[in-house]
Amino acid sequence: MRIGQLARSVGVDTQTVRFYEREGLLPPPDRQDNGYRVYTERHVERLAFIRRCRILELSLAEIHELQRYQTAPHQPCRAINILLDDHIAHVRSQITDLQVLEKQ
């Protein structure tokens, strides 16, 4: 599939796909003889994962770390558990701040 099809399938802009490629979050696609990028289902899955992470406000560095563990799942989970626990604590803090703002 081409970049437009990939972007539409996940609900992002083509520039977003290019950005994630530059950042190393998406593996580089193969290219056709005419230079067009050719994406696979693996790219769709990876881009959907990135999108879900961004919706949850995970940073690009956090996403990189999660992807590193996805590609080598035999690693101890302690670092990932800490990363996610820290992020959850941050989200809880935001919820508390928003509740205070709502009461004001």
PDB file of N, CA and C in Angstrom:
ATOM      1  N   MET A   1       0.841  -1.177   0.000  1.00  0.00           N
ATOM      2  CA  MET A   1       0.000   0.000   0.000  1.00  0.00           C
ATOM      3  C   MET A   1       0.882   1.233   0.000  1.00  0.00           C
ATOM      4  N   ARG A   2       0.341   2.324  -0.453  1.00  0.00           N
ATOM      5  CA  ARG A   2       1.075   3.590  -0.497  1.00  0.00           C
ATOM      6  C   ARG A   2       0.830   4.391   0.776  1.00  0.00           C
ATOM      7  N   ILE A   3       1.561   5.482   0.908  1.00  0.00           N
ATOM      8  CA  ILE A   3       1.530   6.264   2.135  1.00  0.00           C
ATOM      9  C   ILE A   3       0.140   6.813   2.452  1.00  0.00           C
ATOM     10  N   GLY A   4      -0.590   7.247   1.446  1.00  0.00           N
ATOM     11  CA  GLY A   4      -1.940   7.766   1.669  1.00  0.00           C
ATOM     12  C   GLY A   4      -2.875   6.700   2.205  1.00  0.00           C
ATOM     13  N   GLN A   5      -2.758   5.503   1.674  1.00  0.00           N
ATOM     14  CA  GLN A   5      -3.591   4.397   2.146  1.00  0.00           C
ATOM     15  C   GLN A   5      -3.248   4.050   3.590  1.00  0.00           C
ATOM     16  N   LEU A   6      -1.955   4.010   3.893  1.00  0.00           N
ATOM     17  CA  LEU A   6      -1.518   3.727   5.258  1.00  0.00           C
ATOM     18  C   LEU A   6      -2.067   4.786   6.213  1.00  0.00           C
ATOM     19  N   ALA A   7      -1.898   6.040   5.852  1.00  0.00           N
ATOM     20  CA  ALA A   7      -2.348   7.134   6.714  1.00  0.00           C
ATOM     21  C   ALA A   7      -3.853   7.059   6.957  1.00  0.00           C
ATOM     22  N   ARG A   8      -4.628   6.848   5.894  1.00  0.00           N
ATOM     23  CA  ARG A   8      -6.083   6.764   6.040  1.00  0.00           C
ATOM     24  C   ARG A   8      -6.496   5.572   6.890  1.00  0.00           C
ATOM     25  N   SER A   9      -5.804   4.447   6.750  1.00  0.00           N
ATOM     26  CA  SER A   9      -6.198   3.243   7.484  1.00  0.00           C
ATOM     27  C   SER A   9      -6.062   3.420   8.994  1.00  0.00           C
ATOM     28  N   VAL A  10      -5.188   4.341   9.410  1.00  0.00           N
ATOM     29  CA  VAL A  10      -4.960   4.549  10.845  1.00  0.00           C
ATOM     30  C   VAL A  10      -5.553   5.887  11.309  1.00  0.00           C
ATOM     31  N   GLY A  11      -5.894   6.750  10.375  1.00  0.00           N
ATOM     32  CA  GLY A  11      -6.501   8.021  10.733  1.00  0.00           C
ATOM     33  C   GLY A  11      -5.506   9.122  11.048  1.00  0.00           C
ATOM     34  N   VAL A  12      -4.393   9.144  10.311  1.00  0.00           N
ATOM     35  CA  VAL A  12      -3.397  10.199  10.480  1.00  0.00           C
ATOM     36  C   VAL A  12      -3.106  10.833   9.128  1.00  0.00           C
ATOM     37  N   ASP A  13      -2.351  11.899   9.146  1.00  0.00           N
ATOM     38  CA  ASP A  13      -1.944  12.592   7.930  1.00  0.00           C
ATOM     39  C   ASP A  13      -0.679  11.947   7.366  1.00  0.00           C
ATOM     40  N   THR A  14      -0.458  12.077   6.085  1.00  0.00           N
ATOM     41  CA  THR A  14       0.755  11.504   5.483  1.00  0.00           C
ATOM     42  C   THR A  14       2.021  12.130   6.059  1.00  0.00           C
ATOM     43  N   GLN A  15       1.951  13.409   6.429  1.00  0.00           N
ATOM     44  CA  GLN A  15       3.121  14.054   7.041  1.00  0.00           C
ATOM     45  C   GLN A  15       3.454  13.410   8.393  1.00  0.00           C
ATOM     46  N   THR A  16       2.432  12.928   9.085  1.00  0.00           N
ATOM     47  CA  THR A  16       2.646  12.240  10.356  1.00  0.00           C
ATOM     48  C   THR A  16       3.406  10.943  10.123  1.00  0.00           C
ATOM     49  N   VAL A  17       3.044  10.229   9.077  1.00  0.00           N
ATOM     50  CA  VAL A  17       3.745   8.988   8.736  1.00  0.00           C
ATOM     51  C   VAL A  17       5.209   9.297   8.451  1.00  0.00           C
ATOM     52  N   ARG A  18       5.460  10.316   7.649  1.00  0.00           N
ATOM     53  CA  ARG A  18       6.848  10.688   7.324  1.00  0.00           C
ATOM     54  C   ARG A  18       7.625  11.098   8.582  1.00  0.00           C
ATOM     55  N   PHE A  19       6.956  11.825   9.477  1.00  0.00           N
ATOM     56  CA  PHE A  19       7.601  12.241  10.727  1.00  0.00           C
ATOM     57  C   PHE A  19       8.013  11.021  11.554  1.00  0.00           C
ATOM     58  N   TYR A  20       7.111  10.057  11.708  1.00  0.00           N
ATOM     59  CA  TYR A  20       7.437   8.867  12.494  1.00  0.00           C
ATOM     60  C   TYR A  20       8.540   8.045  11.836  1.00  0.00           C
ATOM     61  N   GLU A  21       8.607   8.067  10.521  1.00  0.00           N
ATOM     62  CA  GLU A  21       9.715   7.405   9.824  1.00  0.00           C
ATOM     63  C   GLU A  21      11.033   8.100  10.168  1.00  0.00           C
ATOM     64  N   ARG A  22      11.052   9.428  10.084  1.00  0.00           N
ATOM     65  CA  ARG A  22      12.277  10.185  10.402  1.00  0.00           C
ATOM     66  C   ARG A  22      12.718   9.965  11.844  1.00  0.00           C
ATOM     67  N   GLU A  23      11.756   9.832  12.748  1.00  0.00           N
ATOM     68  CA  GLU A  23      12.060   9.640  14.169  1.00  0.00           C
ATOM     69  C   GLU A  23      12.456   8.197  14.491  1.00  0.00           C
ATOM     70  N   GLY A  24      12.328   7.303  13.503  1.00  0.00           N
ATOM     71  CA  GLY A  24      12.705   5.913  13.715  1.00  0.00           C
ATOM     72  C   GLY A  24      11.638   5.075  14.395  1.00  0.00           C
ATOM     73  N   LEU A  25      10.430   5.606  14.507  1.00  0.00           N
ATOM     74  CA  LEU A  25       9.332   4.848  15.114  1.00  0.00           C
ATOM     75  C   LEU A  25       8.703   3.866  14.130  1.00  0.00           C
ATOM     76  N   LEU A  26       8.749   4.213  12.862  1.00  0.00           N
ATOM     77  CA  LEU A  26       8.269   3.320  11.802  1.00  0.00           C
ATOM     78  C   LEU A  26       9.477   2.806  11.028  1.00  0.00           C
ATOM     79  N   PRO A  27       9.509   1.506  10.747  1.00  0.00           N
ATOM     80  CA  PRO A  27      10.628   1.002   9.947  1.00  0.00           C
ATOM     81  C   PRO A  27      10.557   1.568   8.536  1.00  0.00           C
ATOM     82  N   PRO A  28      11.708   1.779   7.905  1.00  0.00           N
ATOM     83  CA  PRO A  28      11.680   2.326   6.549  1.00  0.00           C
ATOM     84  C   PRO A  28      10.975   1.355   5.601  1.00  0.00           C
ATOM     85  N   PRO A  29      10.095   1.883   4.767  1.00  0.00           N
ATOM     86  CA  PRO A  29       9.393   1.028   3.821  1.00  0.00           C
ATOM     87  C   PRO A  29      10.276   0.696   2.626  1.00  0.00           C
ATOM     88  N   ASP A  30       9.919  -0.381   1.949  1.00  0.00           N
ATOM     89  CA  ASP A  30      10.569  -0.663   0.673  1.00  0.00           C
ATOM     90  C   ASP A  30      10.109   0.396  -0.323  1.00  0.00           C
ATOM     91  N   ARG A  31      10.857   0.520  -1.409  1.00  0.00           N
ATOM     92  CA  ARG A  31      10.497   1.489  -2.444  1.00  0.00           C
ATOM     93  C   ARG A  31      10.313   0.777  -3.773  1.00  0.00           C
ATOM     94  N   GLN A  32       9.337   1.242  -4.540  1.00  0.00           N
ATOM     95  CA  GLN A  32       9.144   0.735  -5.892  1.00  0.00           C
ATOM     96  C   GLN A  32      10.185   1.384  -6.801  1.00  0.00           C
ATOM     97  N   ASP A  33      10.275   0.912  -8.008  1.00  0.00           N
ATOM     98  CA  ASP A  33      11.224   1.480  -8.965  1.00  0.00           C
ATOM     99  C   ASP A  33      10.984   2.969  -9.198  1.00  0.00           C
ATOM    100  N   ASN A  34       9.724   3.398  -9.093  1.00  0.00           N
ATOM    101  CA  ASN A  34       9.393   4.799  -9.307  1.00  0.00           C
ATOM    102  C   ASN A  34       9.609   5.656  -8.051  1.00  0.00           C
ATOM    103  N   GLY A  35      10.102   5.052  -6.949  1.00  0.00           N
ATOM    104  CA  GLY A  35      10.398   5.796  -5.731  1.00  0.00           C
ATOM    105  C   GLY A  35       9.292   5.824  -4.710  1.00  0.00           C
ATOM    106  N   TYR A  36       8.093   5.339  -5.097  1.00  0.00           N
ATOM    107  CA  TYR A  36       6.993   5.329  -4.139  1.00  0.00           C
ATOM    108  C   TYR A  36       7.297   4.369  -2.993  1.00  0.00           C
ATOM    109  N   ARG A  37       6.920   4.801  -1.788  1.00  0.00           N
ATOM    110  CA  ARG A  37       7.054   3.934  -0.627  1.00  0.00           C
ATOM    111  C   ARG A  37       6.001   2.825  -0.699  1.00  0.00           C
ATOM    112  N   VAL A  38       6.376   1.637  -0.249  1.00  0.00           N
ATOM    113  CA  VAL A  38       5.439   0.507  -0.215  1.00  0.00           C
ATOM    114  C   VAL A  38       5.348   0.027   1.230  1.00  0.00           C
ATOM    115  N   TYR A  39       4.165   0.160   1.805  1.00  0.00           N
ATOM    116  CA  TYR A  39       3.939  -0.211   3.203  1.00  0.00           C
ATOM    117  C   TYR A  39       3.225  -1.548   3.291  1.00  0.00           C
ATOM    118  N   THR A  40       3.437  -2.212   4.408  1.00  0.00           N
ATOM    119  CA  THR A  40       2.845  -3.527   4.633  1.00  0.00           C
ATOM    120  C   THR A  40       1.923  -3.470   5.853  1.00  0.00           C
ATOM    121  N   GLU A  41       1.319  -4.589   6.139  1.00  0.00           N
ATOM    122  CA  GLU A  41       0.457  -4.695   7.321  1.00  0.00           C
ATOM    123  C   GLU A  41       1.257  -4.435   8.596  1.00  0.00           C
ATOM    124  N   ARG A  42       2.529  -4.772   8.580  1.00  0.00           N
ATOM    125  CA  ARG A  42       3.403  -4.504   9.735  1.00  0.00           C
ATOM    126  C   ARG A  42       3.472  -3.006  10.026  1.00  0.00           C
ATOM    127  N   HIS A  43       3.515  -2.200   8.973  1.00  0.00           N
ATOM    128  CA  HIS A  43       3.520  -0.751   9.145  1.00  0.00           C
ATOM    129  C   HIS A  43       2.190  -0.267   9.718  1.00  0.00           C
ATOM    130  N   VAL A  44       1.089  -0.855   9.251  1.00  0.00           N
ATOM    131  CA  VAL A  44      -0.237  -0.485   9.769  1.00  0.00           C
ATOM    132  C   VAL A  44      -0.291  -0.760  11.270  1.00  0.00           C
ATOM    133  N   GLU A  45       0.137  -1.939  11.675  1.00  0.00           N
ATOM    134  CA  GLU A  45       0.107  -2.305  13.092  1.00  0.00           C
ATOM    135  C   GLU A  45       0.990  -1.378  13.918  1.00  0.00           C
ATOM    136  N   ARG A  46       2.183  -1.095  13.425  1.00  0.00           N
ATOM    137  CA  ARG A  46       3.114  -0.232  14.158  1.00  0.00           C
ATOM    138  C   ARG A  46       2.561   1.183  14.259  1.00  0.00           C
ATOM    139  N   LEU A  47       2.015   1.713  13.159  1.00  0.00           N
ATOM    140  CA  LEU A  47       1.469   3.061  13.171  1.00  0.00           C
ATOM    141  C   LEU A  47       0.251   3.151  14.090  1.00  0.00           C
ATOM    142  N   ALA A  48      -0.585   2.133  14.087  1.00  0.00           N
ATOM    143  CA  ALA A  48      -1.754   2.124  14.980  1.00  0.00           C
ATOM    144  C   ALA A  48      -1.296   2.122  16.441  1.00  0.00           C
ATOM    145  N   PHE A  49      -0.251   1.361  16.738  1.00  0.00           N
ATOM    146  CA  PHE A  49       0.292   1.334  18.100  1.00  0.00           C
ATOM    147  C   PHE A  49       0.806   2.720  18.495  1.00  0.00           C
ATOM    148  N   ILE A  50       1.548   3.350  17.600  1.00  0.00           N
ATOM    149  CA  ILE A  50       2.084   4.685  17.869  1.00  0.00           C
ATOM    150  C   ILE A  50       0.940   5.666  18.111  1.00  0.00           C
ATOM    151  N   ARG A  51      -0.078   5.586  17.294  1.00  0.00           N
ATOM    152  CA  ARG A  51      -1.219   6.495  17.439  1.00  0.00           C
ATOM    153  C   ARG A  51      -1.895   6.308  18.786  1.00  0.00           C
ATOM    154  N   ARG A  52      -2.101   5.056  19.193  1.00  0.00           N
ATOM    155  CA  ARG A  52      -2.716   4.799  20.502  1.00  0.00           C
ATOM    156  C   ARG A  52      -1.849   5.367  21.629  1.00  0.00           C
ATOM    157  N   CYS A  53      -0.559   5.199  21.504  1.00  0.00           N
ATOM    158  CA  CYS A  53       0.362   5.733  22.519  1.00  0.00           C
ATOM    159  C   CYS A  53       0.302   7.255  22.569  1.00  0.00           C
ATOM    160  N   ARG A  54       0.255   7.890  21.412  1.00  0.00           N
ATOM    161  CA  ARG A  54       0.196   9.354  21.380  1.00  0.00           C
ATOM    162  C   ARG A  54      -1.119   9.868  21.943  1.00  0.00           C
ATOM    163  N   ILE A  55      -2.214   9.142  21.683  1.00  0.00           N
ATOM    164  CA  ILE A  55      -3.509   9.526  22.260  1.00  0.00           C
ATOM    165  C   ILE A  55      -3.419   9.499  23.786  1.00  0.00           C
ATOM    166  N   LEU A  56      -2.646   8.554  24.312  1.00  0.00           N
ATOM    167  CA  LEU A  56      -2.433   8.440  25.759  1.00  0.00           C
ATOM    168  C   LEU A  56      -1.330   9.376  26.250  1.00  0.00           C
ATOM    169  N   GLU A  57      -0.833  10.226  25.344  1.00  0.00           N
ATOM    170  CA  GLU A  57       0.173  11.239  25.622  1.00  0.00           C
ATOM    171  C   GLU A  57       1.526  10.672  26.052  1.00  0.00           C
ATOM    172  N   LEU A  58       1.851   9.495  25.548  1.00  0.00           N
ATOM    173  CA  LEU A  58       3.206   8.968  25.753  1.00  0.00           C
ATOM    174  C   LEU A  58       4.154   9.749  24.850  1.00  0.00           C
ATOM    175  N   SER A  59       5.338  10.015  25.338  1.00  0.00           N
ATOM    176  CA  SER A  59       6.324  10.757  24.549  1.00  0.00           C
ATOM    177  C   SER A  59       6.928   9.841  23.483  1.00  0.00           C
ATOM    178  N   LEU A  60       7.602  10.450  22.524  1.00  0.00           N
ATOM    179  CA  LEU A  60       8.270   9.658  21.487  1.00  0.00           C
ATOM    180  C   LEU A  60       9.334   8.762  22.107  1.00  0.00           C
ATOM    181  N   ALA A  61      10.039   9.266  23.112  1.00  0.00           N
ATOM    182  CA  ALA A  61      11.058   8.453  23.786  1.00  0.00           C
ATOM    183  C   ALA A  61      10.423   7.252  24.483  1.00  0.00           C
ATOM    184  N   GLU A  62       9.278   7.463  25.105  1.00  0.00           N
ATOM    185  CA  GLU A  62       8.578   6.358  25.771  1.00  0.00           C
ATOM    186  C   GLU A  62       8.110   5.324  24.741  1.00  0.00           C
ATOM    187  N   ILE A  63       7.632   5.798  23.610  1.00  0.00           N
ATOM    188  CA  ILE A  63       7.193   4.887  22.552  1.00  0.00           C
ATOM    189  C   ILE A  63       8.374   4.087  22.020  1.00  0.00           C
ATOM    190  N   HIS A  64       9.506   4.744  21.827  1.00  0.00           N
ATOM    191  CA  HIS A  64      10.727   4.039  21.404  1.00  0.00           C
ATOM    192  C   HIS A  64      11.044   2.905  22.373  1.00  0.00           C
ATOM    193  N   GLU A  65      10.958   3.213  23.647  1.00  0.00           N
ATOM    194  CA  GLU A  65      11.283   2.215  24.674  1.00  0.00           C
ATOM    195  C   GLU A  65      10.293   1.046  24.632  1.00  0.00           C
ATOM    196  N   LEU A  66       9.019   1.350  24.499  1.00  0.00           N
ATOM    197  CA  LEU A  66       8.017   0.281  24.390  1.00  0.00           C
ATOM    198  C   LEU A  66       8.265  -0.586  23.164  1.00  0.00           C
ATOM    199  N   GLN A  67       8.604   0.050  22.050  1.00  0.00           N
ATOM    200  CA  GLN A  67       8.879  -0.709  20.825  1.00  0.00           C
ATOM    201  C   GLN A  67      10.103  -1.597  20.993  1.00  0.00           C
ATOM    202  N   ARG A  68      11.098  -1.093  21.705  1.00  0.00           N
ATOM    203  CA  ARG A  68      12.295  -1.891  21.942  1.00  0.00           C
ATOM    204  C   ARG A  68      11.944  -3.172  22.693  1.00  0.00           C
ATOM    205  N   TYR A  69      11.045  -3.068  23.634  1.00  0.00           N
ATOM    206  CA  TYR A  69      10.620  -4.255  24.376  1.00  0.00           C
ATOM    207  C   TYR A  69       9.707  -5.151  23.542  1.00  0.00           C
ATOM    208  N   GLN A  70       8.952  -4.567  22.631  1.00  0.00           N
ATOM    209  CA  GLN A  70       8.116  -5.378  21.744  1.00  0.00           C
ATOM    210  C   GLN A  70       8.973  -6.261  20.842  1.00  0.00           C
ATOM    211  N   THR A  71      10.082  -5.723  20.377  1.00  0.00           N
ATOM    212  CA  THR A  71      10.924  -6.488  19.455  1.00  0.00           C
ATOM    213  C   THR A  71      11.793  -7.509  20.176  1.00  0.00           C
ATOM    214  N   ALA A  72      11.959  -7.349  21.489  1.00  0.00           N
ATOM    215  CA  ALA A  72      12.744  -8.300  22.283  1.00  0.00           C
ATOM    216  C   ALA A  72      11.990  -8.605  23.577  1.00  0.00           C
ATOM    217  N   PRO A  73      10.889  -9.338  23.468  1.00  0.00           N
ATOM    218  CA  PRO A  73      10.007  -9.532  24.628  1.00  0.00           C
ATOM    219  C   PRO A  73      10.598 -10.394  25.745  1.00  0.00           C
ATOM    220  N   HIS A  74      11.747 -10.999  25.535  1.00  0.00           N
ATOM    221  CA  HIS A  74      12.351 -11.847  26.554  1.00  0.00           C
ATOM    222  C   HIS A  74      13.023 -11.036  27.664  1.00  0.00           C
ATOM    223  N   GLN A  75      13.115  -9.724  27.489  1.00  0.00           N
ATOM    224  CA  GLN A  75      13.765  -8.862  28.467  1.00  0.00           C
ATOM    225  C   GLN A  75      12.924  -8.758  29.747  1.00  0.00           C
ATOM    226  N   PRO A  76      13.566  -8.506  30.884  1.00  0.00           N
ATOM    227  CA  PRO A  76      12.804  -8.272  32.115  1.00  0.00           C
ATOM    228  C   PRO A  76      11.901  -7.050  31.946  1.00  0.00           C
ATOM    229  N   CYS A  77      10.737  -7.099  32.526  1.00  0.00           N
ATOM    230  CA  CYS A  77       9.724  -6.054  32.332  1.00  0.00           C
ATOM    231  C   CYS A  77       9.842  -4.905  33.337  1.00  0.00           C
ATOM    232  N   ARG A  78      10.785  -4.972  34.229  1.00  0.00           N
ATOM    233  CA  ARG A  78      10.875  -3.975  35.294  1.00  0.00           C
ATOM    234  C   ARG A  78      10.923  -2.546  34.751  1.00  0.00           C
ATOM    235  N   ALA A  79      11.760  -2.285  33.767  1.00  0.00           N
ATOM    236  CA  ALA A  79      11.900  -0.924  33.227  1.00  0.00           C
ATOM    237  C   ALA A  79      10.604  -0.446  32.583  1.00  0.00           C
ATOM    238  N   ILE A  80       9.938  -1.319  31.876  1.00  0.00           N
ATOM    239  CA  ILE A  80       8.669  -0.952  31.232  1.00  0.00           C
ATOM    240  C   ILE A  80       7.606  -0.701  32.285  1.00  0.00           C
ATOM    241  N   ASN A  81       7.576  -1.539  33.309  1.00  0.00           N
ATOM    242  CA  ASN A  81       6.607  -1.334  34.395  1.00  0.00           C
ATOM    243  C   ASN A  81       6.825   0.021  35.056  1.00  0.00           C
ATOM    244  N   ILE A  82       8.077   0.397  35.270  1.00  0.00           N
ATOM    245  CA  ILE A  82       8.377   1.698  35.868  1.00  0.00           C
ATOM    246  C   ILE A  82       7.939   2.820  34.931  1.00  0.00           C
ATOM    247  N   LEU A  83       8.252   2.685  33.645  1.00  0.00           N
ATOM    248  CA  LEU A  83       7.871   3.696  32.660  1.00  0.00           C
ATOM    249  C   LEU A  83       6.360   3.899  32.665  1.00  0.00           C
ATOM    250  N   LEU A  84       5.612   2.812  32.620  1.00  0.00           N
ATOM    251  CA  LEU A  84       4.155   2.912  32.578  1.00  0.00           C
ATOM    252  C   LEU A  84       3.587   3.393  33.908  1.00  0.00           C
ATOM    253  N   ASP A  85       4.145   2.945  35.014  1.00  0.00           N
ATOM    254  CA  ASP A  85       3.686   3.424  36.322  1.00  0.00           C
ATOM    255  C   ASP A  85       3.904   4.930  36.454  1.00  0.00           C
ATOM    256  N   ASP A  86       5.052   5.418  35.993  1.00  0.00           N
ATOM    257  CA  ASP A  86       5.317   6.859  36.019  1.00  0.00           C
ATOM    258  C   ASP A  86       4.327   7.615  35.151  1.00  0.00           C
ATOM    259  N   HIS A  87       4.021   7.068  33.990  1.00  0.00           N
ATOM    260  CA  HIS A  87       3.075   7.739  33.101  1.00  0.00           C
ATOM    261  C   HIS A  87       1.673   7.748  33.719  1.00  0.00           C
ATOM    262  N   ILE A  88       1.285   6.650  34.307  1.00  0.00           N
ATOM    263  CA  ILE A  88      -0.033   6.581  34.965  1.00  0.00           C
ATOM    264  C   ILE A  88      -0.102   7.592  36.108  1.00  0.00           C
ATOM    265  N   ALA A  89       0.970   7.731  36.872  1.00  0.00           N
ATOM    266  CA  ALA A  89       0.996   8.719  37.955  1.00  0.00           C
ATOM    267  C   ALA A  89       0.842  10.131  37.392  1.00  0.00           C
ATOM    268  N   HIS A  90       1.487  10.385  36.263  1.00  0.00           N
ATOM    269  CA  HIS A  90       1.368  11.693  35.615  1.00  0.00           C
ATOM    270  C   HIS A  90      -0.078  11.946  35.176  1.00  0.00           C
ATOM    271  N   VAL A  91      -0.718  10.960  34.591  1.00  0.00           N
ATOM    272  CA  VAL A  91      -2.106  11.100  34.146  1.00  0.00           C
ATOM    273  C   VAL A  91      -3.031  11.321  35.350  1.00  0.00           C
ATOM    274  N   ARG A  92      -2.798  10.588  36.423  1.00  0.00           N
ATOM    275  CA  ARG A  92      -3.613  10.783  37.639  1.00  0.00           C
ATOM    276  C   ARG A  92      -3.470  12.209  38.170  1.00  0.00           C
ATOM    277  N   SER A  93      -2.263  12.734  38.113  1.00  0.00           N
ATOM    278  CA  SER A  93      -2.024  14.104  38.548  1.00  0.00           C
ATOM    279  C   SER A  93      -2.788  15.094  37.675  1.00  0.00           C
ATOM    280  N   GLN A  94      -2.793  14.840  36.384  1.00  0.00           N
ATOM    281  CA  GLN A  94      -3.542  15.704  35.466  1.00  0.00           C
ATOM    282  C   GLN A  94      -5.038  15.647  35.770  1.00  0.00           C
ATOM    283  N   ILE A  95      -5.544  14.461  36.068  1.00  0.00           N
ATOM    284  CA  ILE A  95      -6.965  14.304  36.400  1.00  0.00           C
ATOM    285  C   ILE A  95      -7.292  15.116  37.651  1.00  0.00           C
ATOM    286  N   THR A  96      -6.443  15.018  38.647  1.00  0.00           N
ATOM    287  CA  THR A  96      -6.650  15.775  39.880  1.00  0.00           C
ATOM    288  C   THR A  96      -6.654  17.272  39.595  1.00  0.00           C
ATOM    289  N   ASP A  97      -5.699  17.741  38.802  1.00  0.00           N
ATOM    290  CA  ASP A  97      -5.633  19.160  38.452  1.00  0.00           C
ATOM    291  C   ASP A  97      -6.883  19.606  37.702  1.00  0.00           C
ATOM    292  N   LEU A  98      -7.368  18.767  36.816  1.00  0.00           N
ATOM    293  CA  LEU A  98      -8.574  19.109  36.064  1.00  0.00           C
ATOM    294  C   LEU A  98      -9.822  19.134  36.963  1.00  0.00           C
ATOM    295  N   GLN A  99      -9.867  18.244  37.935  1.00  0.00           N
ATOM    296  CA  GLN A  99     -10.996  18.244  38.874  1.00  0.00           C
ATOM    297  C   GLN A  99     -10.982  19.512  39.724  1.00  0.00           C
ATOM    298  N   VAL A 100      -9.812  19.956  40.135  1.00  0.00           N
ATOM    299  CA  VAL A 100      -9.682  21.203  40.898  1.00  0.00           C
ATOM    300  C   VAL A 100     -10.137  22.364  40.032  1.00  0.00           C
ATOM    301  N   LEU A 101      -9.709  22.386  38.792  1.00  0.00           N
ATOM    302  CA  LEU A 101     -10.111  23.445  37.862  1.00  0.00           C
ATOM    303  C   LEU A 101     -11.624  23.442  37.664  1.00  0.00           C
ATOM    304  N   GLU A 102     -12.210  22.266  37.542  1.00  0.00           N
ATOM    305  CA  GLU A 102     -13.660  22.157  37.361  1.00  0.00           C
ATOM    306  C   GLU A 102     -14.407  22.751  38.554  1.00  0.00           C
ATOM    307  N   LYS A 103     -13.904  22.492  39.749  1.00  0.00           N
ATOM    308  CA  LYS A 103     -14.572  23.020  40.961  1.00  0.00           C
ATOM    309  C   LYS A 103     -14.474  24.533  41.036  1.00  0.00           C
ATOM    310  N   GLN A 104     -13.401  25.085  40.502  1.00  0.00           N
ATOM    311  CA  GLN A 104     -13.226  26.547  40.529  1.00  0.00           C
ATOM    312  C   GLN A 104     -14.229  27.201  39.597  1.00  0.00           C
TER     313      GLN A 104
END
